[in-house]
Protein backbone atom coordinates (compact mmCIF):
# COMPACT_ATOMS: atom_id res chain seq x y z
CA MET A 1 -20.82 -11.10 -0.78
CA LEU A 2 -17.41 -10.54 -2.11
CA LEU A 3 -18.65 -7.56 -4.16
CA TRP A 4 -20.43 -5.94 -1.35
CA ALA A 5 -17.21 -6.14 1.07
CA LEU A 6 -15.22 -4.52 -1.78
CA LEU A 7 -17.57 -1.51 -1.67
CA ILE A 8 -17.86 -1.36 1.90
CA LEU A 9 -14.50 -1.86 3.32
CA PRO A 10 -12.90 1.22 2.23
CA PRO A 11 -15.41 3.81 3.70
CA VAL A 12 -15.35 1.69 6.93
CA LEU A 13 -11.61 1.93 7.11
CA ALA A 14 -11.69 5.82 6.34
CA GLY A 15 -14.20 6.44 8.99
CA THR A 16 -12.25 4.40 11.60
CA CYS A 17 -8.99 6.61 10.59
CA CYS A 18 -11.08 9.69 11.31
CA VAL A 19 -11.89 8.22 14.82
CA VAL A 20 -8.20 7.24 15.39
CA ARG A 21 -6.34 9.96 17.37
CA SER A 22 -2.79 8.91 16.89
CA ALA A 23 -0.85 9.36 13.56
CA ARG A 24 0.91 5.92 13.90
CA ARG A 25 -2.34 4.18 14.35
CA VAL A 26 -3.92 5.75 11.28
CA LEU A 27 -0.79 4.63 9.31
CA LEU A 28 -0.97 1.32 10.58
CA LEU A 29 -4.87 0.92 10.13
CA ALA A 30 -4.24 2.15 6.48
CA SER A 31 -1.61 -0.23 5.80
CA VAL A 32 -3.10 -3.39 7.30
CA GLY A 33 -6.57 -2.34 5.75
CA GLY A 34 -5.02 -1.77 2.27
CA ALA A 35 -3.45 -5.00 2.47
CA GLY A 36 -6.68 -6.71 3.67
CA TRP A 37 -8.44 -5.12 0.84
CA ALA A 38 -5.90 -6.07 -1.95
CA ALA A 39 -6.35 -9.71 -0.48
CA LEU A 40 -10.17 -9.41 -0.55
CA ALA A 41 -9.75 -8.17 -4.29
CA GLY A 42 -7.61 -10.97 -5.23
CA ALA A 43 -9.83 -13.50 -3.82
CA THR A 44 -12.80 -11.93 -5.76
CA ALA A 45 -10.91 -12.03 -8.76
CA SER A 46 -9.88 -15.53 -8.41
CA ALA A 47 -13.62 -16.28 -7.71
CA ALA A 48 -14.57 -14.70 -10.79
CA TYR A 49 -12.07 -16.54 -12.70
CA ALA A 50 -12.84 -19.93 -11.27
CA SER A 51 -16.49 -19.99 -10.98
CA GLY A 52 -17.70 -17.38 -13.83
CA PRO A 53 -19.24 -13.86 -13.40
CA LEU A 54 -20.25 -12.70 -9.73
CA PHE A 55 -23.61 -10.91 -9.19
CA ALA A 56 -24.84 -8.80 -6.34
CA ALA A 57 -27.93 -6.53 -5.62
CA ARG A 58 -29.80 -8.55 -8.21
CA GLY A 59 -27.50 -8.03 -10.85
CA TRP A 60 -26.75 -4.18 -10.38
CA LEU A 61 -23.32 -5.33 -9.51
CA TYR A 62 -21.51 -7.49 -11.82
CA LEU A 63 -17.97 -8.81 -11.92
CA ASP A 64 -17.01 -10.88 -15.19
CA THR A 65 -13.70 -12.56 -15.92
CA LEU A 66 -12.80 -9.75 -18.21
CA SER A 67 -13.39 -7.15 -15.79
CA ALA A 68 -11.33 -9.10 -12.93
CA TYR A 69 -8.59 -9.37 -15.25
């Protein structure tokens, strides 16, 4: 699930930025979304370190410890 969230979050945030009309809201959304994505990436990397490789999409998405480093 973490790997899917890493892939889906940036396009969702980009689409939301296209809908928002104010430049300030776009900047706020980009900074908050970027910080949220960084936290999600950190959680995903720590999960790969702690429990071994992560799989999604029947093995098509794979994150091992070396890739997380």
